[in-house]
C-alpha atoms as a PDB file:
ATOM      1  CA  MET A   1     104.674 113.174  84.607  1.00  0.00           C
ATOM      2  CA  ARG A   2     104.101 111.034  81.556  1.00  0.00           C
ATOM      3  CA  LYS A   3     106.010 113.536  79.435  1.00  0.00           C
ATOM      4  CA  THR A   4     109.052 113.280  81.671  1.00  0.00           C
ATOM      5  CA  LEU A   5     109.359 109.506  81.566  1.00  0.00           C
ATOM      6  CA  LEU A   6     113.005 108.522  81.370  1.00  0.00           C
ATOM      7  CA  ALA A   7     114.552 105.777  79.274  1.00  0.00           C
ATOM      8  CA  ALA A   8     114.881 102.375  80.882  1.00  0.00           C
ATOM      9  CA  VAL A   9     118.054 101.741  82.838  1.00  0.00           C
ATOM     10  CA  PRO A  10     120.526  99.555  80.894  1.00  0.00           C
ATOM     11  CA  ALA A  11     120.334  95.891  81.836  1.00  0.00           C
ATOM     12  CA  ALA A  12     124.126  95.752  82.139  1.00  0.00           C
ATOM     13  CA  LEU A  13     124.281  97.901  85.266  1.00  0.00           C
ATOM     14  CA  ALA A  14     126.927  96.557  87.597  1.00  0.00           C
ATOM     15  CA  LEU A  15     125.716  95.551  91.033  1.00  0.00           C
ATOM     16  CA  ILE A  16     127.766  97.545  93.502  1.00  0.00           C
ATOM     17  CA  ALA A  17     126.181  96.612  96.817  1.00  0.00           C
ATOM     18  CA  VAL A  18     123.038  95.348  98.483  1.00  0.00           C
ATOM     19  CA  ALA A  19     121.751  96.537 101.824  1.00  0.00           C
ATOM     20  CA  ALA A  20     119.294  94.023 103.288  1.00  0.00           C
ATOM     21  CA  CYS A  21     117.251  93.608 106.476  1.00  0.00           C
ATOM     22  CA  SER A  22     116.653  96.391 108.968  1.00  0.00           C
ATOM     23  CA  ASP A  23     118.065  99.017 106.622  1.00  0.00           C
ATOM     24  CA  SER A  24     121.697  98.002 107.072  1.00  0.00           C
ATOM     25  CA  THR A  25     124.339  99.373 104.721  1.00  0.00           C
ATOM     26  CA  SER A  26     127.647  98.065 103.427  1.00  0.00           C
ATOM     27  CA  PRO A  27     130.921 100.017 103.639  1.00  0.00           C
ATOM     28  CA  ASN A  28     130.738 100.847  99.929  1.00  0.00           C
ATOM     29  CA  SER A  29     131.014 104.649  99.740  1.00  0.00           C
ATOM     30  CA  ASP A  30     128.907 105.035  96.593  1.00  0.00           C
ATOM     31  CA  GLN A  31     126.073 103.074  98.130  1.00  0.00           C
ATOM     32  CA  SER A  32     126.188 104.977 101.393  1.00  0.00           C
ATOM     33  CA  ASP A  33     126.304 108.309  99.598  1.00  0.00           C
ATOM     34  CA  VAL A  34     123.350 107.454  97.355  1.00  0.00           C
ATOM     35  CA  ILE A  35     121.247 106.347 100.322  1.00  0.00           C
ATOM     36  CA  ALA A  36     122.172 109.546 102.181  1.00  0.00           C
ATOM     37  CA  ALA A  37     121.272 111.619  99.107  1.00  0.00           C
ATOM     38  CA  MET A  38     117.916 109.858  98.904  1.00  0.00           C
ATOM     39  CA  SER A  39     117.155 110.725 102.511  1.00  0.00           C
ATOM     40  CA  ASP A  40     118.202 114.373 102.137  1.00  0.00           C
ATOM     41  CA  GLN A  41     116.673 115.142  98.748  1.00  0.00           C
ATOM     42  CA  LEU A  42     113.568 112.951  98.559  1.00  0.00           C
ATOM     43  CA  GLY A  43     112.716 112.583 102.237  1.00  0.00           C
ATOM     44  CA  ALA A  44     109.177 111.357 102.899  1.00  0.00           C
ATOM     45  CA  MET A  45     108.576 110.810  99.175  1.00  0.00           C
ATOM     46  CA  MET A  46     110.276 107.447  99.811  1.00  0.00           C
ATOM     47  CA  ASP A  47     109.052 106.656 103.320  1.00  0.00           C
ATOM     48  CA  THR A  48     108.280 102.996 103.943  1.00  0.00           C
ATOM     49  CA  ASP A  49     104.958 103.315 105.786  1.00  0.00           C
ATOM     50  CA  PHE A  50     101.847 105.487 105.621  1.00  0.00           C
ATOM     51  CA  GLY A  51      98.536 106.075 107.312  1.00  0.00           C
ATOM     52  CA  VAL A  52      97.277 105.686 110.857  1.00  0.00           C
ATOM     53  CA  ALA A  53      98.218 102.411 112.565  1.00  0.00           C
ATOM     54  CA  GLY A  54      95.363 100.240 113.762  1.00  0.00           C
ATOM     55  CA  ALA A  55      91.597 100.269 113.300  1.00  0.00           C
ATOM     56  CA  THR A  56      90.206 103.768 112.839  1.00  0.00           C
ATOM     57  CA  THR A  57      87.253 105.488 111.228  1.00  0.00           C
ATOM     58  CA  SER A  58      87.473 107.075 107.790  1.00  0.00           C
ATOM     59  CA  ASP A  59      87.255 110.835 107.585  1.00  0.00           C
ATOM     60  CA  ALA A  60      84.099 112.691 106.623  1.00  0.00           C
ATOM     61  CA  THR A  61      84.106 115.458 104.045  1.00  0.00           C
ATOM     62  CA  ALA A  62      85.313 118.505 105.974  1.00  0.00           C
ATOM     63  CA  PRO A  63      87.717 120.076 105.304  1.00  0.00           C
ATOM     64  CA  LEU A  64      87.844 118.192 102.016  1.00  0.00           C
ATOM     65  CA  ALA A  65      85.708 119.036  99.007  1.00  0.00           C
ATOM     66  CA  THR A  66      82.109 117.884  99.469  1.00  0.00           C
ATOM     67  CA  GLY A  67      80.068 115.420  97.453  1.00  0.00           C
ATOM     68  CA  ASN A  68      82.557 112.581  97.444  1.00  0.00           C
ATOM     69  CA  LEU A  69      81.138 110.014  99.844  1.00  0.00           C
ATOM     70  CA  PHE A  70      80.301 106.467  98.789  1.00  0.00           C
ATOM     71  CA  ALA A  71      76.936 106.390  97.050  1.00  0.00           C
ATOM     72  CA  MET A  72      75.249 103.277  98.506  1.00  0.00           C
ATOM     73  CA  THR A  73      72.173 101.795  96.839  1.00  0.00           C
ATOM     74  CA  GLU A  74      69.532  99.286  97.931  1.00  0.00           C
ATOM     75  CA  LEU A  75      71.276  96.653  95.794  1.00  0.00           C
ATOM     76  CA  ASP A  76      74.557  96.934  97.675  1.00  0.00           C
ATOM     77  CA  THR A  77      75.544  94.012  99.901  1.00  0.00           C
ATOM     78  CA  ALA A  78      78.941  95.287 101.053  1.00  0.00           C
ATOM     79  CA  VAL A  79      79.062  97.301 104.257  1.00  0.00           C
ATOM     80  CA  LEU A  80      81.860  99.718 105.059  1.00  0.00           C
ATOM     81  CA  PRO A  81      82.911  98.890 108.632  1.00  0.00           C
ATOM     82  CA  ALA A  82      82.933 101.695 111.152  1.00  0.00           C
ATOM     83  CA  TYR A  83      86.495 100.784 112.184  1.00  0.00           C
ATOM     84  CA  TRP A  84      89.219  99.113 110.162  1.00  0.00           C
ATOM     85  CA  GLY A  85      92.883  99.485 109.425  1.00  0.00           C
ATOM     86  CA  ARG A  86      96.360  98.012 109.215  1.00  0.00           C
ATOM     87  CA  LEU A  87      98.725  97.184 112.025  1.00  0.00           C
ATOM     88  CA  ARG A  88     101.888  96.487 110.068  1.00  0.00           C
ATOM     89  CA  ILE A  89     104.129  96.080 113.101  1.00  0.00           C
ATOM     90  CA  VAL A  90     102.577  93.901 115.781  1.00  0.00           C
ATOM     91  CA  PRO A  91     104.148  94.160 119.257  1.00  0.00           C
ATOM     92  CA  GLY A  92     106.282  91.076 119.720  1.00  0.00           C
ATOM     93  CA  GLY A  93     105.784  90.054 116.093  1.00  0.00           C
ATOM     94  CA  PRO A  94     108.079  90.004 113.066  1.00  0.00           C
ATOM     95  CA  ARG A  95     109.931  93.193 112.287  1.00  0.00           C
ATOM     96  CA  PRO A  96     109.619  94.701 108.810  1.00  0.00           C
ATOM     97  CA  VAL A  97     112.351  93.743 106.365  1.00  0.00           C
ATOM     98  CA  LEU A  98     113.788  96.692 104.420  1.00  0.00           C
ATOM     99  CA  THR A  99     116.131  96.043 101.502  1.00  0.00           C
ATOM    100  CA  ARG A 100     117.960  98.767  99.606  1.00  0.00           C
ATOM    101  CA  THR A 101     119.897  97.883  96.486  1.00  0.00           C
ATOM    102  CA  VAL A 102     122.205 100.378  94.774  1.00  0.00           C
ATOM    103  CA  THR A 103     123.456  99.740  91.252  1.00  0.00           C
ATOM    104  CA  VAL A 104     125.977 102.025  89.602  1.00  0.00           C
ATOM    105  CA  GLN A 105     127.110 102.512  86.016  1.00  0.00           C
ATOM    106  CA  GLY A 106     129.596 105.316  85.549  1.00  0.00           C
ATOM    107  CA  ASP A 107     128.014 108.495  86.865  1.00  0.00           C
ATOM    108  CA  THR A 108     124.503 107.058  87.218  1.00  0.00           C
ATOM    109  CA  ALA A 109     123.052 105.109  90.129  1.00  0.00           C
ATOM    110  CA  ARG A 110     119.732 103.426  90.724  1.00  0.00           C
ATOM    111  CA  LEU A 111     118.434 102.786  94.232  1.00  0.00           C
ATOM    112  CA  THR A 112     115.587 100.300  94.679  1.00  0.00           C
ATOM    113  CA  GLN A 113     114.031  99.780  98.063  1.00  0.00           C
ATOM    114  CA  THR A 114     111.574  97.112  99.094  1.00  0.00           C
ATOM    115  CA  VAL A 115     109.913  96.680 102.457  1.00  0.00           C
ATOM    116  CA  SER A 116     107.766  93.787 103.618  1.00  0.00           C
ATOM    117  CA  PHE A 117     105.500  93.480 106.641  1.00  0.00           C
ATOM    118  CA  GLN A 118     103.920  90.534 108.459  1.00  0.00           C
ATOM    119  CA  GLY A 119     101.250  92.355 110.362  1.00  0.00           C
ATOM    120  CA  THR A 120      97.547  92.283 111.123  1.00  0.00           C
ATOM    121  CA  PHE A 121      94.523  93.689 109.331  1.00  0.00           C
ATOM    122  CA  LEU A 122      91.863  94.797 111.792  1.00  0.00           C
ATOM    123  CA  VAL A 123      88.170  95.141 110.932  1.00  0.00           C
ATOM    124  CA  ASP A 124      85.129  95.667 113.147  1.00  0.00           C
ATOM    125  CA  THR A 125      82.234  94.128 111.210  1.00  0.00           C
ATOM    126  CA  THR A 126      79.700  94.202 114.050  1.00  0.00           C
ATOM    127  CA  GLN A 127      77.062  96.877 113.623  1.00  0.00           C
ATOM    128  CA  ASP A 128      77.001  98.083 117.216  1.00  0.00           C
ATOM    129  CA  THR A 129      78.603 100.693 119.448  1.00  0.00           C
ATOM    130  CA  ALA A 130      81.306  98.376 120.836  1.00  0.00           C
ATOM    131  CA  PHE A 131      84.854  98.559 119.503  1.00  0.00           C
ATOM    132  CA  ASN A 132      85.740  94.896 119.022  1.00  0.00           C
ATOM    133  CA  PRO A 133      87.665  94.420 115.769  1.00  0.00           C
ATOM    134  CA  SER A 134      88.630  90.981 114.541  1.00  0.00           C
ATOM    135  CA  SER A 135      91.954  90.355 112.814  1.00  0.00           C
ATOM    136  CA  LYS A 136      93.440  88.558 109.846  1.00  0.00           C
ATOM    137  CA  PRO A 137      96.990  88.202 108.493  1.00  0.00           C
ATOM    138  CA  LEU A 138      98.423  91.199 106.664  1.00  0.00           C
ATOM    139  CA  ASP A 139     101.398  90.150 104.529  1.00  0.00           C
ATOM    140  CA  GLU A 140     102.212  93.079 102.301  1.00  0.00           C
ATOM    141  CA  GLY A 141     105.158  94.880 100.772  1.00  0.00           C
ATOM    142  CA  MET A 142     106.135  97.977  98.832  1.00  0.00           C
ATOM    143  CA  THR A 143     108.641  98.682  96.070  1.00  0.00           C
ATOM    144  CA  GLN A 144     110.002 102.059  94.928  1.00  0.00           C
ATOM    145  CA  SER A 145     113.070 103.170  92.980  1.00  0.00           C
ATOM    146  CA  ALA A 146     115.002 106.370  92.358  1.00  0.00           C
ATOM    147  CA  MET A 147     117.745 107.426  89.934  1.00  0.00           C
ATOM    148  CA  PHE A 148     120.758 109.608  90.764  1.00  0.00           C
ATOM    149  CA  VAL A 149     123.611 111.233  88.879  1.00  0.00           C
ATOM    150  CA  ARG A 150     126.976 112.282  90.260  1.00  0.00           C
ATOM    151  CA  ASP A 151     127.028 115.941  91.207  1.00  0.00           C
ATOM    152  CA  ALA A 152     129.985 117.361  93.112  1.00  0.00           C
ATOM    153  CA  ALA A 153     127.894 120.358  94.167  1.00  0.00           C
ATOM    154  CA  GLN A 154     125.599 118.136  96.267  1.00  0.00           C
ATOM    155  CA  ALA A 155     126.357 117.325  99.890  1.00  0.00           C
ATOM    156  CA  HIS A 156     126.652 113.595  99.174  1.00  0.00           C
ATOM    157  CA  HIS A 157     127.915 113.999  95.590  1.00  0.00           C
ATOM    158  CA  TRP A 158     124.757 112.501  94.089  1.00  0.00           C
ATOM    159  CA  ARG A 159     121.637 114.285  92.817  1.00  0.00           C
ATOM    160  CA  ALA A 160     118.208 112.670  92.524  1.00  0.00           C
ATOM    161  CA  VAL A 161     116.829 112.976  88.983  1.00  0.00           C
ATOM    162  CA  ALA A 162     113.951 110.490  88.842  1.00  0.00           C
ATOM    163  CA  LEU A 163     111.794 108.237  90.988  1.00  0.00           C
ATOM    164  CA  THR A 164     108.896 105.851  90.701  1.00  0.00           C
ATOM    165  CA  LEU A 165     105.564 105.788  92.467  1.00  0.00           C
ATOM    166  CA  GLN A 166     105.136 103.436  95.416  1.00  0.00           C
ATOM    167  CA  ASP A 167     103.467 100.105  94.676  1.00  0.00           C
ATOM    168  CA  TRP A 168     102.013  98.258  97.672  1.00  0.00           C
ATOM    169  CA  LEU A 169     100.954  94.641  97.057  1.00  0.00           C
ATOM    170  CA  PRO A 170     100.189  91.460  99.012  1.00  0.00           C
ATOM    171  CA  THR A 171     103.261  89.272  99.374  1.00  0.00           C
ATOM    172  CA  ASN A 172     101.425  86.274  97.904  1.00  0.00           C
ATOM    173  CA  PRO A 173     100.974  86.812  94.131  1.00  0.00           C
ATOM    174  CA  ALA A 174      97.744  84.781  94.234  1.00  0.00           C
ATOM    175  CA  ALA A 175      96.226  87.438  96.512  1.00  0.00           C
ATOM    176  CA  ARG A 176      96.892  90.262  94.056  1.00  0.00           C
ATOM    177  CA  THR A 177      93.349  90.352  92.706  1.00  0.00           C
ATOM    178  CA  VAL A 178      92.808  94.090  93.215  1.00  0.00           C
ATOM    179  CA  ALA A 179      94.757  96.336  90.851  1.00  0.00           C
ATOM    180  CA  ILE A 180      95.006 100.076  90.348  1.00  0.00           C
ATOM    181  CA  THR A 181      95.526 100.559  86.613  1.00  0.00           C
ATOM    182  CA  GLN A 182      95.741 104.340  86.318  1.00  0.00           C
ATOM    183  CA  ILE A 183      95.835 107.451  88.459  1.00  0.00           C
ATOM    184  CA  SER A 184      95.272 110.971  87.169  1.00  0.00           C
ATOM    185  CA  VAL A 185      95.640 114.167  89.179  1.00  0.00           C
ATOM    186  CA  LYS A 186      94.114 117.555  88.470  1.00  0.00           C
ATOM    187  CA  VAL A 187      95.425 120.674  90.188  1.00  0.00           C
ATOM    188  CA  ASN A 188      93.070 123.658  90.073  1.00  0.00           C
ATOM    189  CA  GLY A 189      91.178 121.940  87.256  1.00  0.00           C
ATOM    190  CA  VAL A 190      94.222 121.192  85.078  1.00  0.00           C
ATOM    191  CA  THR A 191      95.426 117.613  84.561  1.00  0.00           C
ATOM    192  CA  THR A 192      98.973 117.500  85.897  1.00  0.00           C
ATOM    193  CA  ILE A 193      99.732 113.786  86.190  1.00  0.00           C
ATOM    194  CA  THR A 194      98.555 110.656  84.428  1.00  0.00           C
ATOM    195  CA  ALA A 195     100.345 107.554  85.673  1.00  0.00           C
ATOM    196  CA  ASP A 196      99.727 104.106  84.173  1.00  0.00           C
ATOM    197  CA  GLN A 197     102.607 102.122  85.707  1.00  0.00           C
ATOM    198  CA  PRO A 198     103.841 102.574  89.276  1.00  0.00           C
ATOM    199  CA  ASP A 199     107.293 101.220  88.409  1.00  0.00           C
ATOM    200  CA  SER A 200     108.014 103.722  85.624  1.00  0.00           C
ATOM    201  CA  LEU A 201     110.658 106.353  86.374  1.00  0.00           C
ATOM    202  CA  TYR A 202     109.503 109.955  86.384  1.00  0.00           C
ATOM    203  CA  SER A 203     111.662 113.050  86.435  1.00  0.00           C
ATOM    204  CA  VAL A 204     112.092 114.630  89.858  1.00  0.00           C
ATOM    205  CA  SER A 205     111.360 117.970  88.211  1.00  0.00           C
ATOM    206  CA  GLY A 206     108.017 116.496  87.160  1.00  0.00           C
ATOM    207  CA  VAL A 207     107.018 115.405  90.681  1.00  0.00           C
ATOM    208  CA  LEU A 208     103.653 116.802  91.697  1.00  0.00           C
ATOM    209  CA  HIS A 209     104.411 120.378  92.801  1.00  0.00           C
ATOM    210  CA  LEU A 210     101.640 121.930  94.862  1.00  0.00           C
ATOM    211  CA  HIS A 211     101.030 125.122  96.792  1.00  0.00           C
ATOM    212  CA  VAL A 212      98.987 125.752  99.916  1.00  0.00           C
ATOM    213  CA  GLY A 213      95.434 126.534  98.822  1.00  0.00           C
ATOM    214  CA  ASP A 214      95.529 124.438  95.637  1.00  0.00           C
ATOM    215  CA  SER A 215      92.504 122.285  94.822  1.00  0.00           C
ATOM    216  CA  VAL A 216      93.525 118.702  94.030  1.00  0.00           C
ATOM    217  CA  THR A 217      91.341 116.030  92.431  1.00  0.00           C
ATOM    218  CA  VAL A 218      92.594 112.473  92.052  1.00  0.00           C
ATOM    219  CA  THR A 219      90.866 109.836  89.932  1.00  0.00           C
ATOM    220  CA  ALA A 220      91.870 106.169  90.094  1.00  0.00           C
ATOM    221  CA  ALA A 221      90.914 103.332  87.747  1.00  0.00           C
ATOM    222  CA  VAL A 222      90.630 100.004  89.573  1.00  0.00           C
ATOM    223  CA  THR A 223      89.953  96.382  88.645  1.00  0.00           C
ATOM    224  CA  ASN A 224      89.079  93.458  90.914  1.00  0.00           C
ATOM    225  CA  SER A 225      89.186  89.821  89.782  1.00  0.00           C
ATOM    226  CA  GLY A 226      88.716  88.349  93.257  1.00  0.00           C
ATOM    227  CA  ASP A 227      85.733  87.598  95.481  1.00  0.00           C
ATOM    228  CA  THR A 228      82.469  88.438  93.678  1.00  0.00           C
ATOM    229  CA  THR A 229      80.235  87.981  96.733  1.00  0.00           C
ATOM    230  CA  TYR A 230      79.757  91.654  97.478  1.00  0.00           C
ATOM    231  CA  THR A 231      78.428  94.723  95.717  1.00  0.00           C
ATOM    232  CA  PRO A 232      80.318  96.949  95.326  1.00  0.00           C
ATOM    233  CA  GLY A 233      83.303  94.620  95.035  1.00  0.00           C
ATOM    234  CA  THR A 234      85.891  97.264  95.888  1.00  0.00           C
ATOM    235  CA  PHE A 235      86.212 100.254  98.199  1.00  0.00           C
ATOM    236  CA  VAL A 236      88.806 102.922  97.435  1.00  0.00           C
ATOM    237  CA  PHE A 237      90.292 105.496  99.786  1.00  0.00           C
ATOM    238  CA  VAL A 238      92.999 108.128  99.679  1.00  0.00           C
ATOM    239  CA  HIS A 239      95.394 108.596 102.589  1.00  0.00           C
ATOM    240  CA  LEU A 240      96.311 112.256 103.025  1.00  0.00           C
ATOM    241  CA  HIS A 241      98.933 113.996 105.105  1.00  0.00           C
ATOM    242  CA  HIS A 242      98.674 117.662 104.110  1.00  0.00           C
ATOM    243  CA  ALA A 243      94.956 118.186 103.459  1.00  0.00           C
ATOM    244  CA  PHE A 244      94.295 119.075 107.088  1.00  0.00           C
ATOM    245  CA  VAL A 245      95.845 121.684 109.361  1.00  0.00           C
ATOM    246  CA  ASP A 246      97.101 119.019 111.759  1.00  0.00           C
ATOM    247  CA  ALA A 247     100.150 116.849 111.105  1.00  0.00           C
ATOM    248  CA  LEU A 248      98.265 113.540 111.135  1.00  0.00           C
ATOM    249  CA  TRP A 249      97.384 111.071 108.414  1.00  0.00           C
ATOM    250  CA  HIS A 250      93.728 111.007 107.355  1.00  0.00           C
ATOM    251  CA  ARG A 251      91.870 108.372 105.334  1.00  0.00           C
ATOM    252  CA  ALA A 252      89.141 109.678 103.048  1.00  0.00           C
ATOM    253  CA  PRO A 253      86.727 107.548 100.985  1.00  0.00           C
ATOM    254  CA  MET A 254      86.773 108.096  97.235  1.00  0.00           C
ATOM    255  CA  HIS A 255      83.528 108.386  95.268  1.00  0.00           C
ATOM    256  CA  ASP A 256      82.574 105.372  93.140  1.00  0.00           C
ATOM    257  CA  ASN A 257      81.832 106.784  89.687  1.00  0.00           C
ATOM    258  CA  GLY A 258      80.180 103.532  88.584  1.00  0.00           C
ATOM    259  CA  ASP A 259      82.571 102.906  85.700  1.00  0.00           C
ATOM    260  CA  GLY A 260      85.555 101.399  87.492  1.00  0.00           C
ATOM    261  CA  THR A 261      86.943 104.794  88.495  1.00  0.00           C
ATOM    262  CA  TYR A 262      86.941 106.577  91.837  1.00  0.00           C
ATOM    263  CA  THR A 263      87.409 110.279  92.574  1.00  0.00           C
ATOM    264  CA  ARG A 264      88.236 112.485  95.530  1.00  0.00           C
ATOM    265  CA  SER A 265      89.017 116.201  95.866  1.00  0.00           C
ATOM    266  CA  TRP A 266      90.722 118.154  98.631  1.00  0.00           C
ATOM    267  CA  ILE A 267      92.406 121.457  99.410  1.00  0.00           C
ATOM    268  CA  VAL A 268      96.109 121.628 100.252  1.00  0.00           C
ATOM    269  CA  ARG A 269      96.398 122.970 103.804  1.00  0.00           C
ATOM    270  CA  ARG A 270     100.090 122.691 104.724  1.00  0.00           C
ATOM    271  CA  ALA A 271     103.514 122.762 103.082  1.00  0.00           C
ATOM    272  CA  GLY A 272     105.710 119.670 103.043  1.00  0.00           C
ATOM    273  CA  ILE A 273     107.181 116.721 101.148  1.00  0.00           C
ATOM    274  CA  ASP A 274     105.396 113.377 101.216  1.00  0.00           C
ATOM    275  CA  ARG A 275     103.055 111.065  99.280  1.00  0.00           C
ATOM    276  CA  PHE A 276      99.315 110.694  99.095  1.00  0.00           C
ATOM    277  CA  VAL A 277      98.303 107.055  98.806  1.00  0.00           C
ATOM    278  CA  VAL A 278      95.365 105.677  96.831  1.00  0.00           C
ATOM    279  CA  ASP A 279      94.152 102.526  98.583  1.00  0.00           C
ATOM    280  CA  ALA A 280      91.946 100.051  96.675  1.00  0.00           C
ATOM    281  CA  ILE A 281      90.743  97.229  98.897  1.00  0.00           C
ATOM    282  CA  ASP A 282      88.522  94.241  98.259  1.00  0.00           C
ATOM    283  CA  ALA A 283      85.057  94.493  99.831  1.00  0.00           C
ATOM    284  CA  ALA A 284      85.297  90.881 101.060  1.00  0.00           C
ATOM    285  CA  THR A 285      88.452  91.809 102.988  1.00  0.00           C
ATOM    286  CA  LEU A 286      86.430  94.439 104.845  1.00  0.00           C
ATOM    287  CA  ASN A 287      83.271  92.341 105.297  1.00  0.00           C
ATOM    288  CA  ARG A 288      84.712  88.956 106.291  1.00  0.00           C
ATOM    289  CA  GLY A 289      86.446  89.789 109.506  1.00  0.00           C
ATOM    290  CA  THR A 290      88.356  86.613 110.330  1.00  0.00           C
ATOM    291  CA  LEU A 291      88.883  85.049 106.904  1.00  0.00           C
ATOM    292  CA  ASP A 292      92.485  85.100 105.659  1.00  0.00           C
ATOM    293  CA  ASN A 293      91.589  86.995 102.470  1.00  0.00           C
ATOM    294  CA  TYR A 294      93.509  90.268 102.486  1.00  0.00           C
ATOM    295  CA  ALA A 295      93.524  91.753  98.967  1.00  0.00           C
ATOM    296  CA  ALA A 296      94.469  95.347  98.187  1.00  0.00           C
ATOM    297  CA  ASN A 297      96.677  97.547  96.023  1.00  0.00           C
ATOM    298  CA  GLU A 298      97.985 100.971  97.005  1.00  0.00           C
ATOM    299  CA  TRP A 299      99.867 103.511  94.902  1.00  0.00           C
ATOM    300  CA  GLY A 300     101.820 106.284  96.589  1.00  0.00           C
ATOM    301  CA  ILE A 301     102.097 109.536  94.589  1.00  0.00           C
ATOM    302  CA  PRO A 302     105.067 111.705  95.684  1.00  0.00           C
ATOM    303  CA  TYR A 303     104.586 115.453  95.990  1.00  0.00           C
ATOM    304  CA  ARG A 304     106.197 118.668  97.127  1.00  0.00           C
ATOM    305  CA  ILE A 305     104.137 121.514  98.627  1.00  0.00           C
ATOM    306  CA  ASP A 306     105.344 125.107  98.974  1.00  0.00           C
END
């Protein structure tokens, strides 16, 4: 993907329309057509949520590649809770706010979508058999963009040519202490993607193209400048949608390589279009159940599987 990085969009792009709150759209035909083209051509690559809602367990190895569980030592003070997770939409609580902005210059359009949630982070820190998770505020959002060019042969007269990764961050900048700095992906032992910036535009033709039966290994570099109470200071997971024969999301722990990088391998089990999401989360967030200290960073990597 690095080789297919596109030039930056000119700063003089004219703002055509803004769609804000609850995914509303204006009457502008260009805007509506671009949003429709995004839905048809990119589909779940630009979905605005991921993973299982609520507190769940992380998946074991099968049917993923083995040897990738967290390697705990006697010096570790952080404990991975049996149950934890995100409830982004709380019944009776605030609804997510989705904003889509379309800018057009001549025959080129850029669509940027942001979504923000005021939800709850659930974590069961008690080491017993009872399911009794505590909760803390989860204020988090995601940004992703895509580029289009006019194409009369397409159903909506626009063709997607580039898109960014998804970048999930806490709403409060002061809480952004955990950062993914690089993700690399190997397919059948060959490095296919190296991404250093989630907001860089990558050619649609360079999107991760997989086939059922492929072996995928993802390695993420992560930093954490936040709470230093726990060892390890960060846990990293990957959320997967097509590594199992079912149609559910699964959350698999990534192996701590001891050098600030984390690795996980899996086998592609089903065809589809989606993202896998690398999820780096502060150990204190997982170990201090009621403290308002949510800190995490997630990158969503779009893919297409035949």
